[in-house]
Amino acid sequence: MDIRHLKYFVAVYEQGSVSAASRQCFVAQPSLSSAIRQLEQQLNVTLFLRQPKGVTPTEDGERLYGHACRLLGQFQALQRSFTEPVDKIRFRLGLIRALGVERMSDLLRQFSLQLPGLELQLVEPDEPCDARIISPELLKSGEQFQPMYHDHFQLALPAGQPLALKQRISLQDFAGLALIKRTPCEAWQKLYPELVRQGIKPDIRADIHTIEYALGLVSAGVACALVPDFEQLRQRQDLVLRPIAMAGLERRIGLAYSPVQASGLALETLLRLCQKLAVP
């Protein structure tokens, strides 16, 4: 069935006249009449009753009209999807490390869904970018900060580690403890100087930059590590999280952006999503 024949049929139906439809479609009347006959032969029906001053649709013609309009609408939508591409929106987002794969993936998924045509590039937070998800300590002059997360750090221990039996880890428990140094890490920068001040020496087994590698070593039983208390970590069976008896082992995470750029559609959308995540 030719899509043009359906177009001609709809024109005849709506004009009530073959001659009027031929003028509307810019096609010769014999060609249009031939298209209608071919449709009738293919469907084995009569679509119009010829009258002295035009045509009247039959019951089958009425039924075909509804189908034809839907099919033509779908065909036009298909054509537009290829001939009218969505405008691209390029956005560079700087991210610090150890933000939590699950929660960041969910945020970026929602960001992409709300902006068709988004081309999102993730970069280091010190590279040129449109906005950054960072801690307040990394704010630059003139940047605004929209809070998102408030993370508390705990000690991740292998499931079989004897300290896993304790409900809270004291600073004295770090003496000789196999420990992974992870930098940059806000909690490490607070905890380690305090251990040094008290003369407590842990057994540093590795210096790791990413939380994923640190957790891998904890899971393998190599050492313990300071990690944010992400919900997904509490559900793991290969390690145990325990709070540390020291105040201030926490961090705040938020969206840093220039107020000059805040009127852009992409940044407005991301800012709105981040405001929903704000922890009081």
Protein backbone atom coordinates (compact mmCIF):
# COMPACT_ATOMS: atom_id res chain seq x y z
CA MET A 1 0.00 0.00 0.00
CA ASP A 2 1.53 3.31 -1.12
CA ILE A 3 1.59 6.10 1.48
CA ARG A 4 0.82 8.59 -1.32
CA HIS A 5 -2.39 6.76 -2.09
CA LEU A 6 -3.48 7.22 1.52
CA LYS A 7 -2.69 10.94 1.29
CA TYR A 8 -4.82 11.20 -1.86
CA PHE A 9 -7.63 9.26 -0.21
CA VAL A 10 -7.66 11.61 2.82
CA ALA A 11 -7.68 14.63 0.51
CA VAL A 12 -10.67 13.29 -1.44
CA TYR A 13 -12.50 12.41 1.78
CA GLU A 14 -11.96 15.88 3.30
CA GLN A 15 -12.65 17.82 0.08
CA GLY A 16 -15.60 15.68 -0.96
CA SER A 17 -14.42 16.01 -4.51
CA VAL A 18 -11.80 14.36 -6.70
CA SER A 19 -11.17 17.53 -8.68
CA ALA A 20 -10.75 19.65 -5.50
CA ALA A 21 -8.40 17.04 -4.03
CA SER A 22 -6.31 16.99 -7.21
CA ARG A 23 -5.83 20.75 -6.94
CA GLN A 24 -4.90 20.50 -3.26
CA CYS A 25 -2.39 17.73 -3.90
CA PHE A 26 -1.02 19.27 -7.11
CA VAL A 27 -1.60 16.02 -8.99
CA ALA A 28 -3.56 15.34 -12.19
CA GLN A 29 -7.12 14.19 -11.60
CA PRO A 30 -6.71 10.91 -13.57
CA SER A 31 -3.68 9.99 -11.45
CA LEU A 32 -5.60 10.67 -8.26
CA SER A 33 -8.60 8.64 -9.43
CA SER A 34 -6.25 5.79 -10.36
CA ALA A 35 -4.75 5.84 -6.84
CA ILE A 36 -8.21 5.57 -5.26
CA ARG A 37 -9.09 2.63 -7.53
CA GLN A 38 -5.86 0.85 -6.57
CA LEU A 39 -6.72 1.27 -2.89
CA GLU A 40 -10.18 -0.14 -3.48
CA GLN A 41 -8.71 -3.13 -5.34
CA GLN A 42 -6.14 -3.80 -2.62
CA LEU A 43 -8.75 -3.66 0.14
CA ASN A 44 -11.49 -5.23 -1.97
CA VAL A 45 -13.96 -2.51 -0.97
CA THR A 46 -15.68 0.55 -2.39
CA LEU A 47 -14.46 3.72 -0.68
CA PHE A 48 -16.59 6.40 -2.33
CA LEU A 49 -19.96 6.68 -4.02
CA ARG A 50 -19.66 8.94 -7.07
CA GLN A 51 -22.25 11.73 -7.14
CA PRO A 52 -22.95 14.36 -9.84
CA LYS A 53 -21.28 17.03 -7.70
CA GLY A 54 -18.63 15.12 -5.82
CA VAL A 55 -18.17 11.91 -3.82
CA THR A 56 -19.59 10.48 -0.59
CA PRO A 57 -17.57 8.06 1.55
CA THR A 58 -18.99 4.59 2.10
CA GLU A 59 -18.95 2.84 5.48
CA ASP A 60 -15.59 1.28 4.50
CA GLY A 61 -14.38 4.72 3.47
CA GLU A 62 -15.31 6.09 6.88
CA ARG A 63 -13.40 3.26 8.56
CA LEU A 64 -10.32 3.71 6.38
CA TYR A 65 -10.23 7.45 7.05
CA GLY A 66 -9.51 6.96 10.76
CA HIS A 67 -6.76 4.43 10.07
CA ALA A 68 -5.27 6.58 7.31
CA CYS A 69 -5.08 9.68 9.52
CA ARG A 70 -3.27 7.74 12.26
CA LEU A 71 -0.83 6.16 9.80
CA LEU A 72 -0.07 9.48 8.12
CA GLY A 73 0.48 11.13 11.50
CA GLN A 74 2.93 8.40 12.51
CA PHE A 75 4.71 8.67 9.18
CA GLN A 76 5.10 12.43 9.55
CA ALA A 77 6.44 12.00 13.08
CA LEU A 78 8.96 9.48 11.76
CA GLN A 79 10.10 11.94 9.10
CA ARG A 80 10.45 14.77 11.64
CA SER A 81 12.58 12.62 13.93
CA PHE A 82 15.20 12.49 11.17
CA THR A 83 14.78 15.88 9.52
CA GLU A 84 14.45 17.94 12.73
CA PRO A 85 17.29 16.82 15.04
CA VAL A 86 17.18 17.87 18.69
CA ASP A 87 19.47 20.80 19.47
CA LYS A 88 22.60 19.64 21.28
CA ILE A 89 23.24 20.98 24.77
CA ARG A 90 26.87 20.59 25.80
CA PHE A 91 27.64 20.65 29.51
CA ARG A 92 30.94 20.01 31.31
CA LEU A 93 30.56 18.86 34.90
CA GLY A 94 33.51 18.63 37.26
CA LEU A 95 33.41 15.85 39.87
CA ILE A 96 35.60 15.11 42.85
CA ARG A 97 36.28 11.46 43.59
CA ALA A 98 34.45 9.10 45.95
CA LEU A 99 31.00 10.63 45.44
CA GLY A 100 29.20 7.29 45.39
CA VAL A 101 28.59 5.52 42.10
CA GLU A 102 24.93 4.69 42.69
CA ARG A 103 23.72 8.10 43.79
CA MET A 104 25.72 9.96 41.15
CA SER A 105 24.52 7.62 38.41
CA ASP A 106 20.93 8.28 39.46
CA LEU A 107 21.47 12.06 39.48
CA LEU A 108 23.12 12.10 36.05
CA ARG A 109 20.43 9.81 34.64
CA GLN A 110 17.70 12.22 35.77
CA PHE A 111 19.72 15.15 34.38
CA SER A 112 19.96 13.48 30.97
CA LEU A 113 16.27 12.49 30.90
CA GLN A 114 15.13 16.04 31.56
CA LEU A 115 17.33 17.51 28.82
CA PRO A 116 16.92 15.79 25.43
CA GLY A 117 20.04 16.39 23.36
CA LEU A 118 22.31 16.73 26.41
CA GLU A 119 25.97 15.98 25.71
CA LEU A 120 27.42 15.57 29.20
CA GLN A 121 31.18 15.51 29.71
CA LEU A 122 32.56 14.59 33.14
CA VAL A 123 35.91 16.16 33.99
CA GLU A 124 38.23 16.72 36.93
CA PRO A 125 36.98 19.56 39.18
CA ASP A 126 40.04 21.74 38.47
CA GLU A 127 39.44 21.64 34.69
CA PRO A 128 37.33 24.27 32.86
CA CYS A 129 33.67 23.32 33.36
CA ASP A 130 30.14 24.70 33.63
CA ALA A 131 29.60 23.51 37.21
CA ARG A 132 31.32 21.32 39.80
CA ILE A 133 30.19 18.84 42.44
CA ILE A 134 32.69 19.38 45.24
CA SER A 135 33.15 19.99 48.97
CA PRO A 136 32.94 23.61 50.23
CA GLU A 137 36.71 23.68 50.85
CA LEU A 138 37.28 23.66 47.08
CA LEU A 139 35.03 26.64 46.33
CA LYS A 140 36.53 29.37 44.17
CA SER A 141 35.97 33.08 44.60
CA GLY A 142 32.58 34.12 43.23
CA GLU A 143 31.08 30.61 43.12
CA GLN A 144 27.72 29.80 44.67
CA PHE A 145 27.28 26.54 46.59
CA GLN A 146 24.11 24.43 46.61
CA PRO A 147 24.37 21.72 49.33
CA MET A 148 23.49 18.17 48.29
CA TYR A 149 24.89 15.46 50.57
CA HIS A 150 26.17 15.27 54.16
CA ASP A 151 28.43 12.23 54.54
CA HIS A 152 29.78 10.75 57.78
CA PHE A 153 32.94 8.64 57.60
CA GLN A 154 33.28 5.25 59.22
CA LEU A 155 35.93 2.57 59.31
CA ALA A 156 35.42 -0.26 56.85
CA LEU A 157 36.81 -3.53 58.20
CA PRO A 158 37.06 -7.01 56.67
CA ALA A 159 34.16 -9.12 57.92
CA GLY A 160 36.52 -11.38 59.90
CA GLN A 161 38.54 -8.61 61.54
CA PRO A 162 38.35 -8.83 65.38
CA LEU A 163 37.52 -5.11 65.66
CA ALA A 164 34.32 -5.83 63.72
CA LEU A 165 32.92 -7.18 67.00
CA LYS A 166 33.12 -3.71 68.56
CA GLN A 167 30.27 -1.22 68.14
CA ARG A 168 32.62 1.79 68.04
CA ILE A 169 36.28 2.13 67.12
CA SER A 170 38.49 4.15 69.50
CA LEU A 171 41.62 5.99 68.42
CA GLN A 172 43.71 3.53 70.44
CA ASP A 173 42.36 0.72 68.24
CA PHE A 174 44.36 2.19 65.34
CA ALA A 175 47.68 1.28 67.00
CA GLY A 176 49.31 -1.27 64.66
CA LEU A 177 46.07 -1.59 62.66
CA ALA A 178 46.52 -2.51 58.98
CA LEU A 179 45.17 0.64 57.36
CA ILE A 180 44.77 2.00 53.84
CA LYS A 181 45.69 5.63 53.31
CA ARG A 182 43.30 7.20 50.83
CA THR A 183 44.00 10.64 49.42
CA PRO A 184 42.41 13.01 48.85
CA CYS A 185 40.06 12.28 51.75
CA GLU A 186 38.66 14.87 54.16
CA ALA A 187 38.38 12.36 57.02
CA TRP A 188 41.96 11.14 56.59
CA GLN A 189 43.24 14.72 56.76
CA LYS A 190 41.55 15.06 60.17
CA LEU A 191 42.15 11.59 61.60
CA TYR A 192 45.80 10.97 60.78
CA PRO A 193 47.21 14.18 62.33
CA GLU A 194 45.29 13.35 65.52
CA LEU A 195 46.79 9.84 65.58
CA VAL A 196 50.26 11.32 65.14
CA ARG A 197 49.61 13.84 67.92
CA GLN A 198 48.67 11.01 70.29
CA GLY A 199 51.61 8.87 69.23
CA ILE A 200 49.42 6.18 67.65
CA LYS A 201 51.00 4.46 64.64
CA PRO A 202 48.80 2.42 62.31
CA ASP A 203 50.34 -0.01 59.82
CA ILE A 204 49.89 1.76 56.46
CA ARG A 205 49.57 -0.96 53.82
CA ALA A 206 48.66 1.08 50.73
CA ASP A 207 48.12 4.61 49.45
CA ILE A 208 44.96 4.56 47.30
CA HIS A 209 43.21 7.39 45.44
CA THR A 210 39.83 5.79 44.68
CA ILE A 211 37.32 4.42 47.14
CA GLU A 212 36.60 1.44 44.87
CA TYR A 213 40.20 0.18 45.10
CA ALA A 214 40.28 0.80 48.83
CA LEU A 215 37.09 -1.24 49.31
CA GLY A 216 38.57 -3.99 47.16
CA LEU A 217 41.52 -4.29 49.54
CA VAL A 218 39.21 -4.26 52.56
CA SER A 219 37.08 -7.01 51.01
CA ALA A 220 40.24 -9.06 50.35
CA GLY A 221 41.21 -8.79 54.00
CA VAL A 222 44.34 -6.71 53.34
CA ALA A 223 43.53 -3.71 55.55
CA CYS A 224 40.87 -1.31 56.83
CA ALA A 225 39.89 2.04 55.27
CA LEU A 226 38.00 5.24 56.01
CA VAL A 227 34.91 5.46 53.79
CA PRO A 228 31.71 7.54 53.63
CA ASP A 229 28.72 5.68 55.07
CA PHE A 230 26.96 5.11 51.75
CA GLU A 231 23.75 3.10 52.02
CA GLN A 232 24.95 0.44 49.58
CA LEU A 233 28.05 -0.23 51.72
CA ARG A 234 25.91 -1.07 54.74
CA GLN A 235 24.30 -3.87 52.76
CA ARG A 236 27.55 -5.60 51.81
CA GLN A 237 28.41 -8.91 53.45
CA ASP A 238 32.18 -8.85 52.78
CA LEU A 239 32.91 -5.89 55.07
CA VAL A 240 31.66 -4.15 58.20
CA LEU A 241 31.25 -0.43 58.88
CA ARG A 242 31.93 0.93 62.35
CA PRO A 243 31.78 4.54 63.62
CA ILE A 244 34.95 6.11 65.01
CA ALA A 245 35.10 7.85 68.39
CA MET A 246 36.21 11.17 66.96
CA ALA A 247 34.14 14.21 66.05
CA GLY A 248 34.36 15.94 62.70
CA LEU A 249 34.87 12.92 60.43
CA GLU A 250 32.34 14.14 57.93
CA ARG A 251 32.02 16.16 54.74
CA ARG A 252 29.45 18.19 52.84
CA ILE A 253 29.05 17.85 49.10
CA GLY A 254 27.28 20.29 46.82
CA LEU A 255 27.03 21.94 43.43
CA ALA A 256 29.39 24.84 42.83
CA TYR A 257 28.47 27.20 40.00
CA SER A 258 28.90 30.74 38.79
CA PRO A 259 25.79 32.92 39.33
CA VAL A 260 26.54 34.53 35.96
CA GLN A 261 25.77 31.19 34.23
CA ALA A 262 22.79 30.27 36.41
CA SER A 263 20.26 31.35 33.77
CA GLY A 264 21.27 28.59 31.33
CA LEU A 265 18.75 25.79 30.82
CA ALA A 266 21.21 22.97 31.63
CA LEU A 267 22.48 24.58 34.84
CA GLU A 268 18.95 25.52 35.92
CA THR A 269 17.88 21.89 35.48
CA LEU A 270 20.88 20.49 37.38
CA LEU A 271 20.48 23.04 40.16
CA ARG A 272 16.83 22.10 40.60
CA LEU A 273 17.75 18.40 40.87
CA CYS A 274 20.48 19.16 43.42
CA GLN A 275 18.12 21.26 45.54
CA LYS A 276 15.88 18.20 45.91
CA LEU A 277 18.84 16.29 47.35
CA ALA A 278 19.73 18.93 49.95
CA VAL A 279 20.10 17.51 53.46
CA PRO A 280 18.93 19.88 56.22
